[in-house]
Amino acid sequence: MPRENDWVAIERQENALEELEERAAAQAQEAMARVARLRKQRRFLRKRKIEMARRGLRFLDDLDAAEAKEAEREGAQDREAPAPVSDVLDLPGVLGLDDFDPDPAFWESLGFVGGTPQASQGS
């Protein structure tokens, strides 16, 4: 028959293992976050490398200067007078329906026959 001390010893071991498991899980989570950050940094560097090649640049400083110049130019464009705002909304243009010209049967199918559509009876 187990003694009281045996139960206490097992309980202590179980608690110690649980703490170790929690610590290991936290470390694993931190490691995965670190892996994700490193992958993101590597993707960024690949994009920079491709951009340098596309622009025919040899040095990162040249790329930084070119990007800063572009950002400055875009910022200047944003500070210029805003585009005029019209009081009239060109709904067909916004919806891409500039050339939409259905035959009369289309309107008839929606109840637009010769003017105002008929109200439906009942609710």
PDB file of N, CA and C in Angstrom:
ATOM      1  N   MET A   1       0.843  -1.174   0.000  1.00  0.00           N
ATOM      2  CA  MET A   1       0.000   0.000   0.000  1.00  0.00           C
ATOM      3  C   MET A   1       0.890   1.239   0.000  1.00  0.00           C
ATOM      4  N   PRO A   2       0.584   2.217  -0.913  1.00  0.00           N
ATOM      5  CA  PRO A   2       1.431   3.408  -1.005  1.00  0.00           C
ATOM      6  C   PRO A   2       1.312   4.257   0.249  1.00  0.00           C
ATOM      7  N   ARG A   3       2.432   4.842   0.572  1.00  0.00           N
ATOM      8  CA  ARG A   3       2.437   5.718   1.741  1.00  0.00           C
ATOM      9  C   ARG A   3       2.111   7.130   1.291  1.00  0.00           C
ATOM     10  N   GLU A   4       1.826   7.977   2.256  1.00  0.00           N
ATOM     11  CA  GLU A   4       1.494   9.385   2.001  1.00  0.00           C
ATOM     12  C   GLU A   4       2.644  10.074   1.261  1.00  0.00           C
ATOM     13  N   ASN A   5       3.869   9.787   1.647  1.00  0.00           N
ATOM     14  CA  ASN A   5       5.033  10.411   1.009  1.00  0.00           C
ATOM     15  C   ASN A   5       5.128  10.064  -0.480  1.00  0.00           C
ATOM     16  N   ASP A   6       4.727   8.859  -0.831  1.00  0.00           N
ATOM     17  CA  ASP A   6       4.761   8.452  -2.229  1.00  0.00           C
ATOM     18  C   ASP A   6       3.828   9.326  -3.069  1.00  0.00           C
ATOM     19  N   TRP A   7       2.635   9.588  -2.547  1.00  0.00           N
ATOM     20  CA  TRP A   7       1.663  10.426  -3.255  1.00  0.00           C
ATOM     21  C   TRP A   7       2.200  11.853  -3.408  1.00  0.00           C
ATOM     22  N   VAL A   8       2.805  12.362  -2.382  1.00  0.00           N
ATOM     23  CA  VAL A   8       3.359  13.720  -2.414  1.00  0.00           C
ATOM     24  C   VAL A   8       4.506  13.782  -3.424  1.00  0.00           C
ATOM     25  N   ALA A   9       5.365  12.759  -3.437  1.00  0.00           N
ATOM     26  CA  ALA A   9       6.495  12.726  -4.359  1.00  0.00           C
ATOM     27  C   ALA A   9       6.006  12.684  -5.811  1.00  0.00           C
ATOM     28  N   ILE A  10       5.007  11.888  -6.071  1.00  0.00           N
ATOM     29  CA  ILE A  10       4.450  11.801  -7.433  1.00  0.00           C
ATOM     30  C   ILE A  10       3.837  13.140  -7.837  1.00  0.00           C
ATOM     31  N   GLU A  11       3.131  13.756  -6.919  1.00  0.00           N
ATOM     32  CA  GLU A  11       2.505  15.066  -7.194  1.00  0.00           C
ATOM     33  C   GLU A  11       3.578  16.112  -7.520  1.00  0.00           C
ATOM     34  N   ARG A  12       4.676  16.132  -6.774  1.00  0.00           N
ATOM     35  CA  ARG A  12       5.777  17.064  -7.019  1.00  0.00           C
ATOM     36  C   ARG A  12       6.392  16.828  -8.400  1.00  0.00           C
ATOM     37  N   GLN A  13       6.624  15.584  -8.740  1.00  0.00           N
ATOM     38  CA  GLN A  13       7.206  15.255 -10.040  1.00  0.00           C
ATOM     39  C   GLN A  13       6.278  15.681 -11.184  1.00  0.00           C
ATOM     40  N   GLU A  14       5.003  15.444 -10.968  1.00  0.00           N
ATOM     41  CA  GLU A  14       4.022  15.818 -11.986  1.00  0.00           C
ATOM     42  C   GLU A  14       4.002  17.341 -12.183  1.00  0.00           C
ATOM     43  N   ASN A  15       4.028  18.093 -11.089  1.00  0.00           N
ATOM     44  CA  ASN A  15       4.050  19.553 -11.164  1.00  0.00           C
ATOM     45  C   ASN A  15       5.325  20.050 -11.850  1.00  0.00           C
ATOM     46  N   ALA A  16       6.458  19.440 -11.541  1.00  0.00           N
ATOM     47  CA  ALA A  16       7.724  19.829 -12.149  1.00  0.00           C
ATOM     48  C   ALA A  16       7.696  19.584 -13.658  1.00  0.00           C
ATOM     49  N   LEU A  17       7.154  18.429 -14.061  1.00  0.00           N
ATOM     50  CA  LEU A  17       7.057  18.118 -15.485  1.00  0.00           C
ATOM     51  C   LEU A  17       6.124  19.100 -16.201  1.00  0.00           C
ATOM     52  N   GLU A  18       5.044  19.468 -15.558  1.00  0.00           N
ATOM     53  CA  GLU A  18       4.096  20.426 -16.142  1.00  0.00           C
ATOM     54  C   GLU A  18       4.775  21.777 -16.359  1.00  0.00           C
ATOM     55  N   GLU A  19       5.566  22.235 -15.378  1.00  0.00           N
ATOM     56  CA  GLU A  19       6.294  23.495 -15.517  1.00  0.00           C
ATOM     57  C   GLU A  19       7.307  23.423 -16.657  1.00  0.00           C
ATOM     58  N   LEU A  20       8.019  22.297 -16.747  1.00  0.00           N
ATOM     59  CA  LEU A  20       8.989  22.128 -17.830  1.00  0.00           C
ATOM     60  C   LEU A  20       8.301  22.142 -19.199  1.00  0.00           C
ATOM     61  N   GLU A  21       7.150  21.493 -19.255  1.00  0.00           N
ATOM     62  CA  GLU A  21       6.391  21.452 -20.506  1.00  0.00           C
ATOM     63  C   GLU A  21       5.943  22.856 -20.910  1.00  0.00           C
ATOM     64  N   GLU A  22       5.446  23.628 -19.955  1.00  0.00           N
ATOM     65  CA  GLU A  22       4.998  24.997 -20.249  1.00  0.00           C
ATOM     66  C   GLU A  22       6.159  25.863 -20.718  1.00  0.00           C
ATOM     67  N   ARG A  23       7.323  25.719 -20.057  1.00  0.00           N
ATOM     68  CA  ARG A  23       8.511  26.480 -20.463  1.00  0.00           C
ATOM     69  C   ARG A  23       8.942  26.100 -21.879  1.00  0.00           C
ATOM     70  N   ALA A  24       8.933  24.816 -22.166  1.00  0.00           N
ATOM     71  CA  ALA A  24       9.330  24.348 -23.501  1.00  0.00           C
ATOM     72  C   ALA A  24       8.358  24.868 -24.569  1.00  0.00           C
ATOM     73  N   ALA A  25       7.078  24.869 -24.255  1.00  0.00           N
ATOM     74  CA  ALA A  25       6.081  25.373 -25.207  1.00  0.00           C
ATOM     75  C   ALA A  25       6.293  26.867 -25.458  1.00  0.00           C
ATOM     76  N   ALA A  26       6.593  27.631 -24.404  1.00  0.00           N
ATOM     77  CA  ALA A  26       6.849  29.065 -24.553  1.00  0.00           C
ATOM     78  C   ALA A  26       8.090  29.298 -25.404  1.00  0.00           C
ATOM     79  N   GLN A  27       9.140  28.499 -25.167  1.00  0.00           N
ATOM     80  CA  GLN A  27      10.360  28.629 -25.959  1.00  0.00           C
ATOM     81  C   GLN A  27      10.108  28.285 -27.426  1.00  0.00           C
ATOM     82  N   ALA A  28       9.289  27.274 -27.647  1.00  0.00           N
ATOM     83  CA  ALA A  28       8.960  26.886 -29.024  1.00  0.00           C
ATOM     84  C   ALA A  28       8.186  28.012 -29.720  1.00  0.00           C
ATOM     85  N   GLN A  29       7.276  28.628 -29.003  1.00  0.00           N
ATOM     86  CA  GLN A  29       6.496  29.722 -29.566  1.00  0.00           C
ATOM     87  C   GLN A  29       7.412  30.909 -29.899  1.00  0.00           C
ATOM     88  N   GLU A  30       8.342  31.233 -29.022  1.00  0.00           N
ATOM     89  CA  GLU A  30       9.299  32.308 -29.280  1.00  0.00           C
ATOM     90  C   GLU A  30      10.168  31.974 -30.493  1.00  0.00           C
ATOM     91  N   ALA A  31      10.572  30.720 -30.591  1.00  0.00           N
ATOM     92  CA  ALA A  31      11.408  30.307 -31.720  1.00  0.00           C
ATOM     93  C   ALA A  31      10.634  30.438 -33.038  1.00  0.00           C
ATOM     94  N   MET A  32       9.366  30.058 -33.049  1.00  0.00           N
ATOM     95  CA  MET A  32       8.558  30.173 -34.259  1.00  0.00           C
ATOM     96  C   MET A  32       8.370  31.642 -34.649  1.00  0.00           C
ATOM     97  N   ALA A  33       8.189  32.502 -33.665  1.00  0.00           N
ATOM     98  CA  ALA A  33       8.064  33.937 -33.944  1.00  0.00           C
ATOM     99  C   ALA A  33       9.370  34.468 -34.538  1.00  0.00           C
ATOM    100  N   ARG A  34      10.490  34.012 -34.010  1.00  0.00           N
ATOM    101  CA  ARG A  34      11.798  34.421 -34.523  1.00  0.00           C
ATOM    102  C   ARG A  34      11.969  33.945 -35.967  1.00  0.00           C
ATOM    103  N   VAL A  35      11.559  32.708 -36.241  1.00  0.00           N
ATOM    104  CA  VAL A  35      11.637  32.177 -37.602  1.00  0.00           C
ATOM    105  C   VAL A  35      10.792  33.034 -38.547  1.00  0.00           C
ATOM    106  N   ALA A  36       9.592  33.398 -38.120  1.00  0.00           N
ATOM    107  CA  ALA A  36       8.714  34.222 -38.956  1.00  0.00           C
ATOM    108  C   ALA A  36       9.353  35.582 -39.243  1.00  0.00           C
ATOM    109  N   ARG A  37       9.969  36.205 -38.222  1.00  0.00           N
ATOM    110  CA  ARG A  37      10.644  37.497 -38.430  1.00  0.00           C
ATOM    111  C   ARG A  37      11.809  37.362 -39.404  1.00  0.00           C
ATOM    112  N   LEU A  38      12.595  36.295 -39.258  1.00  0.00           N
ATOM    113  CA  LEU A  38      13.734  36.082 -40.148  1.00  0.00           C
ATOM    114  C   LEU A  38      13.274  35.865 -41.590  1.00  0.00           C
ATOM    115  N   ARG A  39      12.206  35.126 -41.785  1.00  0.00           N
ATOM    116  CA  ARG A  39      11.683  34.912 -43.136  1.00  0.00           C
ATOM    117  C   ARG A  39      11.209  36.225 -43.746  1.00  0.00           C
ATOM    118  N   LYS A  40      10.553  37.041 -42.934  1.00  0.00           N
ATOM    119  CA  LYS A  40      10.074  38.335 -43.414  1.00  0.00           C
ATOM    120  C   LYS A  40      11.253  39.218 -43.817  1.00  0.00           C
ATOM    121  N   GLN A  41      12.313  39.225 -43.020  1.00  0.00           N
ATOM    122  CA  GLN A  41      13.506  40.010 -43.347  1.00  0.00           C
ATOM    123  C   GLN A  41      14.161  39.502 -44.632  1.00  0.00           C
ATOM    124  N   ARG A  42      14.188  38.196 -44.799  1.00  0.00           N
ATOM    125  CA  ARG A  42      14.790  37.617 -46.003  1.00  0.00           C
ATOM    126  C   ARG A  42      13.979  37.994 -47.244  1.00  0.00           C
ATOM    127  N   ARG A  43      12.629  37.969 -47.144  1.00  0.00           N
ATOM    128  CA  ARG A  43      11.781  38.386 -48.275  1.00  0.00           C
ATOM    129  C   ARG A  43      12.051  39.846 -48.625  1.00  0.00           C
ATOM    130  N   PHE A  44      12.195  40.686 -47.596  1.00  0.00           N
ATOM    131  CA  PHE A  44      12.470  42.100 -47.817  1.00  0.00           C
ATOM    132  C   PHE A  44      13.800  42.275 -48.558  1.00  0.00           C
ATOM    133  N   LEU A  45      14.822  41.539 -48.132  1.00  0.00           N
ATOM    134  CA  LEU A  45      16.129  41.647 -48.781  1.00  0.00           C
ATOM    135  C   LEU A  45      16.081  41.155 -50.228  1.00  0.00           C
ATOM    136  N   ARG A  46      15.314  40.097 -50.469  1.00  0.00           N
ATOM    137  CA  ARG A  46      15.171  39.607 -51.847  1.00  0.00           C
ATOM    138  C   ARG A  46      14.531  40.679 -52.730  1.00  0.00           C
ATOM    139  N   LYS A  47      13.499  41.330 -52.203  1.00  0.00           N
ATOM    140  CA  LYS A  47      12.836  42.396 -52.965  1.00  0.00           C
ATOM    141  C   LYS A  47      13.807  43.532 -53.248  1.00  0.00           C
ATOM    142  N   ARG A  48      14.627  43.882 -52.262  1.00  0.00           N
ATOM    143  CA  ARG A  48      15.612  44.958 -52.453  1.00  0.00           C
ATOM    144  C   ARG A  48      16.630  44.554 -53.523  1.00  0.00           C
ATOM    145  N   LYS A  49      17.051  43.299 -53.484  1.00  0.00           N
ATOM    146  CA  LYS A  49      18.024  42.811 -54.463  1.00  0.00           C
ATOM    147  C   LYS A  49      17.437  42.879 -55.867  1.00  0.00           C
ATOM    148  N   ILE A  50      16.193  42.443 -56.005  1.00  0.00           N
ATOM    149  CA  ILE A  50      15.522  42.478 -57.304  1.00  0.00           C
ATOM    150  C   ILE A  50      15.362  43.925 -57.772  1.00  0.00           C
ATOM    151  N   GLU A  51      14.987  44.799 -56.861  1.00  0.00           N
ATOM    152  CA  GLU A  51      14.809  46.209 -57.214  1.00  0.00           C
ATOM    153  C   GLU A  51      16.140  46.840 -57.634  1.00  0.00           C
ATOM    154  N   MET A  52      17.212  46.498 -56.951  1.00  0.00           N
ATOM    155  CA  MET A  52      18.536  47.009 -57.338  1.00  0.00           C
ATOM    156  C   MET A  52      18.889  46.535 -58.750  1.00  0.00           C
ATOM    157  N   ALA A  53      18.642  45.280 -59.032  1.00  0.00           N
ATOM    158  CA  ALA A  53      18.946  44.738 -60.358  1.00  0.00           C
ATOM    159  C   ALA A  53      18.072  45.397 -61.422  1.00  0.00           C
ATOM    160  N   ARG A  54      16.794  45.589 -61.107  1.00  0.00           N
ATOM    161  CA  ARG A  54      15.872  46.195 -62.063  1.00  0.00           C
ATOM    162  C   ARG A  54      16.313  47.609 -62.427  1.00  0.00           C
ATOM    163  N   ARG A  55      16.793  48.334 -61.458  1.00  0.00           N
ATOM    164  CA  ARG A  55      17.220  49.715 -61.690  1.00  0.00           C
ATOM    165  C   ARG A  55      18.666  49.806 -62.158  1.00  0.00           C
ATOM    166  N   GLY A  56      19.358  48.700 -62.189  1.00  0.00           N
ATOM    167  CA  GLY A  56      20.744  48.703 -62.628  1.00  0.00           C
ATOM    168  C   GLY A  56      21.678  49.372 -61.637  1.00  0.00           C
ATOM    169  N   LEU A  57      21.350  49.273 -60.352  1.00  0.00           N
ATOM    170  CA  LEU A  57      22.174  49.914 -59.321  1.00  0.00           C
ATOM    171  C   LEU A  57      23.166  48.914 -58.755  1.00  0.00           C
ATOM    172  N   ARG A  58      24.299  49.445 -58.288  1.00  0.00           N
ATOM    173  CA  ARG A  58      25.347  48.569 -57.760  1.00  0.00           C
ATOM    174  C   ARG A  58      25.418  48.591 -56.242  1.00  0.00           C
ATOM    175  N   PHE A  59      24.865  49.636 -55.608  1.00  0.00           N
ATOM    176  CA  PHE A  59      25.028  49.788 -54.169  1.00  0.00           C
ATOM    177  C   PHE A  59      23.691  50.051 -53.493  1.00  0.00           C
ATOM    178  N   LEU A  60      23.553  49.575 -52.277  1.00  0.00           N
ATOM    179  CA  LEU A  60      22.334  49.819 -51.498  1.00  0.00           C
ATOM    180  C   LEU A  60      22.111  51.312 -51.262  1.00  0.00           C
ATOM    181  N   ASP A  61      23.188  52.061 -51.079  1.00  0.00           N
ATOM    182  CA  ASP A  61      23.047  53.504 -50.874  1.00  0.00           C
ATOM    183  C   ASP A  61      22.358  54.157 -52.065  1.00  0.00           C
ATOM    184  N   ASP A  62      22.697  53.698 -53.278  1.00  0.00           N
ATOM    185  CA  ASP A  62      22.059  54.245 -54.476  1.00  0.00           C
ATOM    186  C   ASP A  62      20.568  53.905 -54.493  1.00  0.00           C
ATOM    187  N   LEU A  63      20.230  52.699 -54.089  1.00  0.00           N
ATOM    188  CA  LEU A  63      18.829  52.293 -54.033  1.00  0.00           C
ATOM    189  C   LEU A  63      18.086  53.121 -52.993  1.00  0.00           C
ATOM    190  N   ASP A  64      18.680  53.289 -51.816  1.00  0.00           N
ATOM    191  CA  ASP A  64      18.050  54.102 -50.768  1.00  0.00           C
ATOM    192  C   ASP A  64      17.807  55.513 -51.269  1.00  0.00           C
ATOM    193  N   ALA A  65      18.786  56.095 -51.961  1.00  0.00           N
ATOM    194  CA  ALA A  65      18.650  57.461 -52.472  1.00  0.00           C
ATOM    195  C   ALA A  65      17.539  57.529 -53.521  1.00  0.00           C
ATOM    196  N   ALA A  66      17.481  56.540 -54.408  1.00  0.00           N
ATOM    197  CA  ALA A  66      16.446  56.522 -55.446  1.00  0.00           C
ATOM    198  C   ALA A  66      15.062  56.388 -54.829  1.00  0.00           C
ATOM    199  N   GLU A  67      14.926  55.520 -53.821  1.00  0.00           N
ATOM    200  CA  GLU A  67      13.628  55.339 -53.165  1.00  0.00           C
ATOM    201  C   GLU A  67      13.223  56.600 -52.404  1.00  0.00           C
ATOM    202  N   ALA A  68      14.189  57.256 -51.770  1.00  0.00           N
ATOM    203  CA  ALA A  68      13.884  58.494 -51.043  1.00  0.00           C
ATOM    204  C   ALA A  68      13.429  59.575 -52.020  1.00  0.00           C
ATOM    205  N   LYS A  69      14.091  59.644 -53.182  1.00  0.00           N
ATOM    206  CA  LYS A  69      13.718  60.624 -54.207  1.00  0.00           C
ATOM    207  C   LYS A  69      12.303  60.358 -54.701  1.00  0.00           C
ATOM    208  N   GLU A  70      11.956  59.089 -54.941  1.00  0.00           N
ATOM    209  CA  GLU A  70      10.603  58.723 -55.370  1.00  0.00           C
ATOM    210  C   GLU A  70       9.573  59.092 -54.315  1.00  0.00           C
ATOM    211  N   ALA A  71       9.875  58.772 -53.053  1.00  0.00           N
ATOM    212  CA  ALA A  71       8.945  59.078 -51.968  1.00  0.00           C
ATOM    213  C   ALA A  71       8.732  60.584 -51.865  1.00  0.00           C
ATOM    214  N   GLU A  72       9.802  61.346 -52.048  1.00  0.00           N
ATOM    215  CA  GLU A  72       9.695  62.803 -51.996  1.00  0.00           C
ATOM    216  C   GLU A  72       8.835  63.313 -53.147  1.00  0.00           C
ATOM    217  N   ARG A  73       9.058  62.753 -54.341  1.00  0.00           N
ATOM    218  CA  ARG A  73       8.277  63.160 -55.512  1.00  0.00           C
ATOM    219  C   ARG A  73       6.801  62.814 -55.321  1.00  0.00           C
ATOM    220  N   GLU A  74       6.519  61.615 -54.789  1.00  0.00           N
ATOM    221  CA  GLU A  74       5.127  61.217 -54.539  1.00  0.00           C
ATOM    222  C   GLU A  74       4.496  62.098 -53.473  1.00  0.00           C
ATOM    223  N   GLY A  75       5.266  62.458 -52.453  1.00  0.00           N
ATOM    224  CA  GLY A  75       4.756  63.342 -51.408  1.00  0.00           C
ATOM    225  C   GLY A  75       4.431  64.714 -51.958  1.00  0.00           C
ATOM    226  N   ALA A  76       5.269  65.211 -52.891  1.00  0.00           N
ATOM    227  CA  ALA A  76       5.013  66.510 -53.509  1.00  0.00           C
ATOM    228  C   ALA A  76       3.734  66.451 -54.335  1.00  0.00           C
ATOM    229  N   GLN A  77       3.521  65.348 -55.031  1.00  0.00           N
ATOM    230  CA  GLN A  77       2.299  65.204 -55.820  1.00  0.00           C
ATOM    231  C   GLN A  77       1.077  65.173 -54.921  1.00  0.00           C
ATOM    232  N   ASP A  78       1.193  64.533 -53.766  1.00  0.00           N
ATOM    233  CA  ASP A  78       0.069  64.462 -52.827  1.00  0.00           C
ATOM    234  C   ASP A  78      -0.257  65.838 -52.258  1.00  0.00           C
ATOM    235  N   ARG A  79       0.768  66.693 -52.118  1.00  0.00           N
ATOM    236  CA  ARG A  79       0.557  68.020 -51.549  1.00  0.00           C
ATOM    237  C   ARG A  79      -0.003  68.995 -52.567  1.00  0.00           C
ATOM    238  N   GLU A  80       0.050  68.657 -53.850  1.00  0.00           N
ATOM    239  CA  GLU A  80      -0.499  69.533 -54.881  1.00  0.00           C
ATOM    240  C   GLU A  80      -2.011  69.588 -54.729  1.00  0.00           C
ATOM    241  N   ALA A  81      -2.626  70.468 -55.489  1.00  0.00           N
ATOM    242  CA  ALA A  81      -4.075  70.663 -55.406  1.00  0.00           C
ATOM    243  C   ALA A  81      -4.794  69.329 -55.598  1.00  0.00           C
ATOM    244  N   PRO A  82      -5.776  69.073 -54.761  1.00  0.00           N
ATOM    245  CA  PRO A  82      -6.518  67.818 -54.906  1.00  0.00           C
ATOM    246  C   PRO A  82      -7.329  67.811 -56.191  1.00  0.00           C
ATOM    247  N   ALA A  83      -7.649  66.643 -56.632  1.00  0.00           N
ATOM    248  CA  ALA A  83      -8.455  66.495 -57.843  1.00  0.00           C
ATOM    249  C   ALA A  83      -9.819  67.122 -57.617  1.00  0.00           C
ATOM    250  N   PRO A  84     -10.373  67.742 -58.652  1.00  0.00           N
ATOM    251  CA  PRO A  84     -11.685  68.373 -58.488  1.00  0.00           C
ATOM    252  C   PRO A  84     -12.746  67.339 -58.131  1.00  0.00           C
ATOM    253  N   VAL A  85     -13.653  67.765 -57.298  1.00  0.00           N
ATOM    254  CA  VAL A  85     -14.738  66.890 -56.858  1.00  0.00           C
ATOM    255  C   VAL A  85     -16.013  67.353 -57.532  1.00  0.00           C
ATOM    256  N   SER A  86     -16.706  66.448 -58.136  1.00  0.00           N
ATOM    257  CA  SER A  86     -17.941  66.777 -58.829  1.00  0.00           C
ATOM    258  C   SER A  86     -19.125  66.502 -57.918  1.00  0.00           C
ATOM    259  N   ASP A  87     -20.144  67.324 -58.077  1.00  0.00           N
ATOM    260  CA  ASP A  87     -21.376  67.103 -57.313  1.00  0.00           C
ATOM    261  C   ASP A  87     -22.201  65.980 -57.921  1.00  0.00           C
ATOM    262  N   VAL A  88     -21.896  65.622 -59.166  1.00  0.00           N
ATOM    263  CA  VAL A  88     -22.656  64.604 -59.869  1.00  0.00           C
ATOM    264  C   VAL A  88     -21.849  63.313 -59.890  1.00  0.00           C
ATOM    265  N   LEU A  89     -22.474  62.255 -59.442  1.00  0.00           N
ATOM    266  CA  LEU A  89     -21.815  60.954 -59.439  1.00  0.00           C
ATOM    267  C   LEU A  89     -22.110  60.256 -60.756  1.00  0.00           C
ATOM    268  N   ASP A  90     -21.054  59.878 -61.445  1.00  0.00           N
ATOM    269  CA  ASP A  90     -21.190  59.158 -62.703  1.00  0.00           C
ATOM    270  C   ASP A  90     -21.320  57.674 -62.373  1.00  0.00           C
ATOM    271  N   LEU A  91     -22.515  57.270 -61.948  1.00  0.00           N
ATOM    272  CA  LEU A  91     -22.722  55.893 -61.510  1.00  0.00           C
ATOM    273  C   LEU A  91     -22.426  54.872 -62.595  1.00  0.00           C
ATOM    274  N   PRO A  92     -22.896  55.056 -63.824  1.00  0.00           N
ATOM    275  CA  PRO A  92     -22.539  54.073 -64.860  1.00  0.00           C
ATOM    276  C   PRO A  92     -21.029  53.968 -65.052  1.00  0.00           C
ATOM    277  N   GLY A  93     -20.324  55.108 -64.989  1.00  0.00           N
ATOM    278  CA  GLY A  93     -18.873  55.083 -65.142  1.00  0.00           C
ATOM    279  C   GLY A  93     -18.212  54.359 -63.994  1.00  0.00           C
ATOM    280  N   VAL A  94     -18.680  54.626 -62.764  1.00  0.00           N
ATOM    281  CA  VAL A  94     -18.105  53.980 -61.588  1.00  0.00           C
ATOM    282  C   VAL A  94     -18.326  52.478 -61.642  1.00  0.00           C
ATOM    283  N   LEU A  95     -19.483  52.069 -62.118  1.00  0.00           N
ATOM    284  CA  LEU A  95     -19.811  50.646 -62.178  1.00  0.00           C
ATOM    285  C   LEU A  95     -19.290  49.982 -63.449  1.00  0.00           C
ATOM    286  N   GLY A  96     -18.668  50.773 -64.324  1.00  0.00           N
ATOM    287  CA  GLY A  96     -18.154  50.207 -65.567  1.00  0.00           C
ATOM    288  C   GLY A  96     -19.254  49.884 -66.559  1.00  0.00           C
ATOM    289  N   LEU A  97     -20.331  50.663 -66.517  1.00  0.00           N
ATOM    290  CA  LEU A  97     -21.478  50.408 -67.392  1.00  0.00           C
ATOM    291  C   LEU A  97     -21.626  51.483 -68.460  1.00  0.00           C
ATOM    292  N   ASP A  98     -20.523  52.107 -68.874  1.00  0.00           N
ATOM    293  CA  ASP A  98     -20.601  53.187 -69.861  1.00  0.00           C
ATOM    294  C   ASP A  98     -21.280  52.727 -71.144  1.00  0.00           C
ATOM    295  N   ASP A  99     -21.007  51.516 -71.566  1.00  0.00           N
ATOM    296  CA  ASP A  99     -21.558  51.010 -72.827  1.00  0.00           C
ATOM    297  C   ASP A  99     -22.781  50.121 -72.609  1.00  0.00           C
ATOM    298  N   PHE A 100     -23.362  50.170 -71.420  1.00  0.00           N
ATOM    299  CA  PHE A 100     -24.495  49.305 -71.103  1.00  0.00           C
ATOM    300  C   PHE A 100     -25.750  49.849 -71.775  1.00  0.00           C
ATOM    301  N   ASP A 101     -26.265  49.118 -72.731  1.00  0.00           N
ATOM    302  CA  ASP A 101     -27.461  49.539 -73.450  1.00  0.00           C
ATOM    303  C   ASP A 101     -28.312  48.305 -73.715  1.00  0.00           C
ATOM    304  N   PRO A 102     -29.033  47.840 -72.677  1.00  0.00           N
ATOM    305  CA  PRO A 102     -29.820  46.613 -72.868  1.00  0.00           C
ATOM    306  C   PRO A 102     -31.010  46.861 -73.781  1.00  0.00           C
ATOM    307  N   ASP A 103     -31.482  45.806 -74.396  1.00  0.00           N
ATOM    308  CA  ASP A 103     -32.647  45.975 -75.255  1.00  0.00           C
ATOM    309  C   ASP A 103     -33.881  46.172 -74.382  1.00  0.00           C
ATOM    310  N   PRO A 104     -34.948  46.695 -74.941  1.00  0.00           N
ATOM    311  CA  PRO A 104     -36.159  47.001 -74.147  1.00  0.00           C
ATOM    312  C   PRO A 104     -36.709  45.798 -73.375  1.00  0.00           C
ATOM    313  N   ALA A 105     -36.458  44.597 -73.848  1.00  0.00           N
ATOM    314  CA  ALA A 105     -36.965  43.415 -73.143  1.00  0.00           C
ATOM    315  C   ALA A 105     -36.349  43.300 -71.752  1.00  0.00           C
ATOM    316  N   PHE A 106     -35.115  43.780 -71.601  1.00  0.00           N
ATOM    317  CA  PHE A 106     -34.461  43.755 -70.292  1.00  0.00           C
ATOM    318  C   PHE A 106     -35.263  44.604 -69.309  1.00  0.00           C
ATOM    319  N   TRP A 107     -35.609  45.838 -69.733  1.00  0.00           N
ATOM    320  CA  TRP A 107     -36.350  46.734 -68.835  1.00  0.00           C
ATOM    321  C   TRP A 107     -37.753  46.197 -68.570  1.00  0.00           C
ATOM    322  N   GLU A 108     -38.362  45.592 -69.596  1.00  0.00           N
ATOM    323  CA  GLU A 108     -39.693  45.013 -69.419  1.00  0.00           C
ATOM    324  C   GLU A 108     -39.660  43.877 -68.397  1.00  0.00           C
ATOM    325  N   SER A 109     -38.560  43.109 -68.397  1.00  0.00           N
ATOM    326  CA  SER A 109     -38.457  41.993 -67.447  1.00  0.00           C
ATOM    327  C   SER A 109     -38.366  42.502 -66.005  1.00  0.00           C
ATOM    328  N   LEU A 110     -37.947  43.742 -65.851  1.00  0.00           N
ATOM    329  CA  LEU A 110     -37.864  44.332 -64.512  1.00  0.00           C
ATOM    330  C   LEU A 110     -39.115  45.121 -64.146  1.00  0.00           C
ATOM    331  N   GLY A 111     -40.091  45.183 -65.081  1.00  0.00           N
ATOM    332  CA  GLY A 111     -41.335  45.881 -64.793  1.00  0.00           C
ATOM    333  C   GLY A 111     -41.326  47.336 -65.223  1.00  0.00           C
ATOM    334  N   PHE A 112     -40.317  47.765 -65.955  1.00  0.00           N
ATOM    335  CA  PHE A 112     -40.244  49.138 -66.451  1.00  0.00           C
ATOM    336  C   PHE A 112     -40.820  49.172 -67.859  1.00  0.00           C
ATOM    337  N   VAL A 113     -42.144  49.176 -67.958  1.00  0.00           N
ATOM    338  CA  VAL A 113     -42.773  49.177 -69.262  1.00  0.00           C
ATOM    339  C   VAL A 113     -43.448  50.510 -69.427  1.00  0.00           C
ATOM    340  N   GLY A 114     -42.851  51.348 -70.261  1.00  0.00           N
ATOM    341  CA  GLY A 114     -43.482  52.627 -70.594  1.00  0.00           C
ATOM    342  C   GLY A 114     -43.584  53.577 -69.424  1.00  0.00           C
ATOM    343  N   GLY A 115     -42.641  53.585 -68.525  1.00  0.00           N
ATOM    344  CA  GLY A 115     -42.665  54.589 -67.446  1.00  0.00           C
ATOM    345  C   GLY A 115     -42.382  53.969 -66.102  1.00  0.00           C
ATOM    346  N   THR A 116     -43.194  54.352 -65.135  1.00  0.00           N
ATOM    347  CA  THR A 116     -42.986  53.935 -63.762  1.00  0.00           C
ATOM    348  C   THR A 116     -43.354  52.468 -63.572  1.00  0.00           C
ATOM    349  N   PRO A 117     -42.522  51.703 -62.885  1.00  0.00           N
ATOM    350  CA  PRO A 117     -42.833  50.283 -62.658  1.00  0.00           C
ATOM    351  C   PRO A 117     -44.049  50.134 -61.741  1.00  0.00           C
ATOM    352  N   GLN A 118     -44.735  49.047 -61.923  1.00  0.00           N
ATOM    353  CA  GLN A 118     -45.922  48.768 -61.125  1.00  0.00           C
ATOM    354  C   GLN A 118     -45.504  48.333 -59.726  1.00  0.00           C
ATOM    355  N   ALA A 119     -46.214  48.854 -58.728  1.00  0.00           N
ATOM    356  CA  ALA A 119     -45.967  48.435 -57.346  1.00  0.00           C
ATOM    357  C   ALA A 119     -46.528  47.039 -57.160  1.00  0.00           C
ATOM    358  N   SER A 120     -45.836  46.230 -56.382  1.00  0.00           N
ATOM    359  CA  SER A 120     -46.320  44.878 -56.135  1.00  0.00           C
ATOM    360  C   SER A 120     -47.460  44.928 -55.126  1.00  0.00           C
ATOM    361  N   GLN A 121     -48.386  44.024 -55.271  1.00  0.00           N
ATOM    362  CA  GLN A 121     -49.532  43.958 -54.369  1.00  0.00           C
ATOM    363  C   GLN A 121     -49.172  43.129 -53.150  1.00  0.00           C
ATOM    364  N   GLY A 122     -49.557  43.603 -51.979  1.00  0.00           N
ATOM    365  CA  GLY A 122     -49.290  42.863 -50.743  1.00  0.00           C
ATOM    366  C   GLY A 122     -47.855  43.049 -50.317  1.00  0.00           C
ATOM    367  N   SER A 123     -47.550  42.610 -49.134  1.00  0.00           N
ATOM    368  CA  SER A 123     -46.166  42.708 -48.717  1.00  0.00           C
ATOM    369  C   SER A 123     -45.686  41.388 -48.392  1.00  0.00           C
TER     370      SER A 123
END
